[in-house]
Amino acid sequence: MSERPIALVTGASRGVGAAVARALSETHDVLLGGRDGEALRALAAEIDGARPWPVELTDADAVAAAVRDIDRLDVLVHSAGLVELGAVADTGVDSWRRTFELNLFAVTELTRLLLPTLRADSGHVVLINSGAGKEAKPNWGSYAASKFALRAFADVLRAEEAANGVRVTSVFPGRINTDMQREVRDSEGGEFQPERYLRPESVAGPVCSAVRAADDAHLTEIVVRPS
């Protein structure tokens, strides 16, 4: 890594995470976080100043070991996520646990471990939330609950870390043209119509705007909807 600012992006192997990593690489060296080491290595080969950071985010011991090599960090973008749909009456506890493990607990633990470094660099935490983090709809119970909790975590973190110079931004995108959205539409029994959804790059742009905002501007929440 060079002396450029450093960003860590989780969920970077595809979709929004990959788009954010590409966009941030214009000004930052990027750590590409995710489970698929092969995909991360392939993406790193395409992006100057990027390197893979493969880790299972729901494995607390693995995450603790992986962060030991991070001694500088300016930006932490949480983009990894999981969607499992189903009515409350049909959704067992294991589904709720899986959803919260990745969408919330992995976020809180990785952030906690990296806070000393973020404080030292007056860093920025960006959480890719969802429209489901503002409005819960039928069949989206566990996912919406995890995203509402993520929103609360961001609000608390922002208040607690303001005195330490750490900025916190929640991004609430609508439906995005990604593999995850294709899987969601299959679960819903609906047609996948990519032209009706946001492009991942259209979410990455506002993330970069928040990260690159002047010191006197703190973009706390960004809502992005398909036009």
Protein backbone atom coordinates (compact mmCIF):
# COMPACT_ATOMS: atom_id res chain seq x y z
CA MET A 1 0.00 0.00 0.00
CA SER A 2 1.12 3.55 -0.78
CA GLU A 3 0.66 6.67 1.33
CA ARG A 4 -2.74 7.32 -0.23
CA PRO A 5 -5.76 7.02 2.10
CA ILE A 6 -6.87 3.43 2.68
CA ALA A 7 -10.41 2.07 2.43
CA LEU A 8 -11.70 -1.35 3.40
CA VAL A 9 -14.84 -2.45 1.54
CA THR A 10 -16.68 -5.60 2.58
CA GLY A 11 -18.78 -7.55 0.11
CA ALA A 12 -16.35 -6.36 -2.54
CA SER A 13 -16.42 -9.44 -4.76
CA ARG A 14 -19.53 -8.31 -6.64
CA GLY A 15 -22.43 -5.88 -6.84
CA VAL A 16 -22.40 -2.67 -4.85
CA GLY A 17 -19.25 -3.59 -2.95
CA ALA A 18 -17.26 -4.05 -6.15
CA ALA A 19 -18.65 -0.81 -7.59
CA VAL A 20 -17.74 1.12 -4.43
CA ALA A 21 -14.24 -0.36 -4.46
CA ARG A 22 -13.72 0.70 -8.09
CA ALA A 23 -15.00 4.21 -7.44
CA LEU A 24 -12.98 4.74 -4.27
CA SER A 25 -9.81 3.50 -5.97
CA GLU A 26 -9.57 6.84 -7.77
CA THR A 27 -8.46 8.42 -4.49
CA HIS A 28 -7.82 5.50 -2.10
CA ASP A 29 -5.91 2.26 -1.90
CA VAL A 30 -8.56 -0.38 -1.33
CA LEU A 31 -8.72 -3.57 0.72
CA LEU A 32 -11.24 -5.87 -0.94
CA GLY A 33 -13.13 -7.75 1.76
CA GLY A 34 -15.16 -10.87 1.15
CA ARG A 35 -15.36 -14.65 1.29
CA ASP A 36 -14.55 -15.47 -2.35
CA GLY A 37 -10.77 -15.16 -2.47
CA GLU A 38 -10.58 -15.99 -6.17
CA ALA A 39 -13.08 -13.28 -7.10
CA LEU A 40 -11.29 -10.77 -4.88
CA ARG A 41 -7.93 -11.56 -6.47
CA ALA A 42 -9.42 -11.13 -9.93
CA LEU A 43 -10.86 -7.75 -9.00
CA ALA A 44 -7.62 -6.65 -7.35
CA ALA A 45 -5.79 -7.37 -10.60
CA GLU A 46 -8.06 -4.83 -12.32
CA ILE A 47 -7.75 -2.04 -9.74
CA ASP A 48 -4.53 -0.15 -9.09
CA GLY A 49 -3.66 -0.02 -5.41
CA ALA A 50 -6.12 -2.76 -4.42
CA ARG A 51 -5.47 -6.04 -2.67
CA PRO A 52 -7.76 -8.85 -1.51
CA TRP A 53 -8.71 -9.14 2.14
CA PRO A 54 -10.46 -12.53 2.27
CA VAL A 55 -12.21 -13.36 5.53
CA GLU A 56 -15.42 -14.97 6.76
CA LEU A 57 -17.02 -11.98 8.46
CA THR A 58 -19.25 -14.10 10.69
CA ASP A 59 -16.18 -15.84 12.17
CA ALA A 60 -15.13 -13.52 14.99
CA ASP A 61 -11.76 -15.21 15.50
CA ALA A 62 -10.92 -15.01 11.78
CA VAL A 63 -11.88 -11.34 11.69
CA ALA A 64 -9.77 -10.57 14.76
CA ALA A 65 -6.78 -12.23 13.11
CA ALA A 66 -7.36 -10.45 9.79
CA VAL A 67 -7.48 -6.94 11.26
CA ARG A 68 -4.09 -7.29 12.96
CA ASP A 69 -2.34 -6.31 9.74
CA ILE A 70 -4.38 -3.10 9.34
CA ASP A 71 -2.40 -0.29 10.94
CA ARG A 72 -3.92 2.55 8.89
CA LEU A 73 -7.54 2.98 7.82
CA ASP A 74 -9.39 6.03 6.59
CA VAL A 75 -12.64 4.52 5.33
CA LEU A 76 -14.62 1.41 6.29
CA VAL A 77 -17.53 0.53 3.98
CA HIS A 78 -19.88 -2.23 5.11
CA SER A 79 -21.50 -3.64 1.96
CA ALA A 80 -21.74 -7.38 2.69
CA GLY A 81 -25.29 -8.53 3.32
CA LEU A 82 -27.77 -11.39 3.25
CA VAL A 83 -31.44 -11.52 2.27
CA GLU A 84 -33.77 -14.36 3.26
CA LEU A 85 -37.46 -13.76 2.55
CA GLY A 86 -40.46 -15.34 4.24
CA ALA A 87 -43.50 -14.63 6.34
CA VAL A 88 -42.93 -14.44 10.07
CA ALA A 89 -45.07 -17.55 10.52
CA ASP A 90 -42.75 -19.48 8.18
CA THR A 91 -39.35 -18.13 9.24
CA GLY A 92 -37.49 -20.15 11.84
CA VAL A 93 -34.92 -18.92 14.29
CA ASP A 94 -31.99 -20.17 12.18
CA SER A 95 -32.94 -17.81 9.35
CA TRP A 96 -33.15 -14.87 11.75
CA ARG A 97 -29.76 -15.78 13.19
CA ARG A 98 -28.08 -16.08 9.78
CA THR A 99 -29.44 -12.70 8.72
CA PHE A 100 -28.39 -10.90 11.89
CA GLU A 101 -24.99 -12.60 11.99
CA LEU A 102 -23.94 -11.02 8.68
CA ASN A 103 -26.11 -7.91 8.43
CA LEU A 104 -25.53 -6.70 12.00
CA PHE A 105 -23.16 -8.66 14.23
CA ALA A 106 -20.38 -8.88 11.64
CA VAL A 107 -20.69 -5.12 11.13
CA THR A 108 -20.58 -4.25 14.81
CA GLU A 109 -17.59 -6.49 15.54
CA LEU A 110 -15.48 -5.42 12.56
CA THR A 111 -16.20 -1.78 13.38
CA ARG A 112 -15.33 -2.27 17.04
CA LEU A 113 -12.01 -3.90 16.19
CA LEU A 114 -11.06 -1.15 13.76
CA LEU A 115 -12.23 1.83 15.80
CA PRO A 116 -8.80 2.62 17.31
CA THR A 117 -7.33 2.85 13.81
CA LEU A 118 -10.28 4.85 12.48
CA ARG A 119 -10.01 7.27 15.38
CA ALA A 120 -6.30 7.76 14.77
CA ASP A 121 -6.98 8.67 11.13
CA SER A 122 -10.23 10.63 11.72
CA GLY A 123 -11.87 7.97 9.61
CA HIS A 124 -15.27 7.41 8.06
CA VAL A 125 -17.65 4.46 8.44
CA VAL A 126 -20.19 3.93 5.65
CA LEU A 127 -23.00 1.43 6.11
CA ILE A 128 -24.90 0.25 3.04
CA ASN A 129 -28.36 -0.15 4.48
CA SER A 130 -31.56 -0.57 2.43
CA GLY A 131 -34.99 0.88 1.81
CA ALA A 132 -36.02 -1.97 4.13
CA GLY A 133 -34.14 -0.12 6.87
CA LYS A 134 -36.74 2.64 6.68
CA GLU A 135 -39.91 0.72 5.85
CA ALA A 136 -40.67 -2.93 6.69
CA LYS A 137 -42.95 -4.86 4.34
CA PRO A 138 -44.54 -8.34 4.48
CA ASN A 139 -42.13 -11.26 3.94
CA TRP A 140 -39.09 -9.07 4.68
CA GLY A 141 -39.19 -9.54 8.46
CA SER A 142 -35.70 -10.76 9.34
CA TYR A 143 -33.98 -8.62 6.69
CA ALA A 144 -35.87 -5.44 7.59
CA ALA A 145 -35.30 -6.02 11.29
CA SER A 146 -31.57 -6.42 10.72
CA LYS A 147 -31.47 -3.22 8.66
CA PHE A 148 -33.48 -1.25 11.22
CA ALA A 149 -30.96 -2.45 13.80
CA LEU A 150 -28.10 -1.44 11.49
CA ARG A 151 -29.61 2.03 11.24
CA ALA A 152 -29.74 2.28 15.04
CA PHE A 153 -26.14 1.09 15.30
CA ALA A 154 -25.04 3.79 12.85
CA ASP A 155 -26.89 6.49 14.80
CA VAL A 156 -25.34 5.40 18.10
CA LEU A 157 -21.87 5.07 16.59
CA ARG A 158 -22.14 8.54 15.05
CA ALA A 159 -23.08 10.10 18.38
CA GLU A 160 -20.42 8.24 20.35
CA GLU A 161 -17.55 8.84 17.94
CA ALA A 162 -18.20 12.44 16.91
CA ALA A 163 -15.75 13.70 19.54
CA ASN A 164 -13.11 11.34 18.10
CA GLY A 165 -13.44 12.76 14.61
CA VAL A 166 -15.07 9.65 13.11
CA ARG A 167 -17.86 10.28 10.61
CA VAL A 168 -20.67 7.78 10.04
CA THR A 169 -22.93 7.62 6.99
CA SER A 170 -25.93 5.37 6.38
CA VAL A 171 -26.89 4.79 2.74
CA PHE A 172 -30.42 3.62 1.97
CA PRO A 173 -30.65 2.43 -1.64
CA GLY A 174 -33.72 1.09 -3.36
CA ARG A 175 -33.61 -2.08 -5.43
CA ILE A 176 -30.32 -2.55 -7.25
CA ASN A 177 -29.46 -4.48 -10.39
CA THR A 178 -27.33 -7.19 -8.73
CA ASP A 179 -27.22 -10.97 -8.48
CA MET A 180 -28.79 -10.62 -5.03
CA GLN A 181 -31.75 -8.78 -6.51
CA ARG A 182 -32.17 -11.50 -9.13
CA GLU A 183 -32.33 -14.07 -6.31
CA VAL A 184 -34.83 -11.90 -4.43
CA ARG A 185 -37.12 -11.68 -7.46
CA ASP A 186 -36.92 -15.45 -7.86
CA SER A 187 -37.99 -15.82 -4.23
CA GLU A 188 -40.84 -13.39 -4.79
CA GLY A 189 -41.90 -15.19 -7.95
CA GLY A 190 -41.54 -12.01 -9.98
CA GLU A 191 -39.77 -11.08 -13.20
CA PHE A 192 -36.28 -9.62 -12.97
CA GLN A 193 -36.33 -6.29 -14.83
CA PRO A 194 -32.88 -4.73 -14.47
CA GLU A 195 -33.88 -1.51 -16.23
CA ARG A 196 -36.19 -0.72 -13.31
CA TYR A 197 -33.42 -0.91 -10.72
CA LEU A 198 -30.44 1.18 -9.68
CA ARG A 199 -27.06 0.37 -11.16
CA PRO A 200 -24.44 -0.48 -8.52
CA GLU A 201 -22.43 2.50 -9.79
CA SER A 202 -25.36 4.77 -8.95
CA VAL A 203 -24.99 3.77 -5.31
CA ALA A 204 -21.20 3.94 -5.35
CA GLY A 205 -21.31 7.57 -6.48
CA PRO A 206 -23.10 8.89 -3.38
CA VAL A 207 -20.84 6.78 -1.16
CA CYS A 208 -17.82 8.51 -2.67
CA SER A 209 -19.50 11.91 -2.30
CA ALA A 210 -19.92 11.26 1.42
CA VAL A 211 -16.35 10.06 1.82
CA ARG A 212 -14.87 12.96 -0.13
CA ALA A 213 -17.03 15.67 1.44
CA ALA A 214 -15.22 18.67 2.89
CA ASP A 215 -14.25 18.62 6.55
CA ASP A 216 -17.14 20.93 7.41
CA ALA A 217 -19.72 18.60 5.82
CA HIS A 218 -20.95 15.36 7.37
CA LEU A 219 -23.39 13.44 5.19
CA THR A 220 -25.16 11.38 7.83
CA GLU A 221 -27.89 9.72 5.71
CA ILE A 222 -28.26 9.25 1.96
CA VAL A 223 -31.41 7.85 0.32
CA VAL A 224 -31.10 6.67 -3.29
CA ARG A 225 -34.11 5.47 -5.27
CA PRO A 226 -34.49 4.28 -8.87
CA SER A 227 -35.80 7.02 -11.13
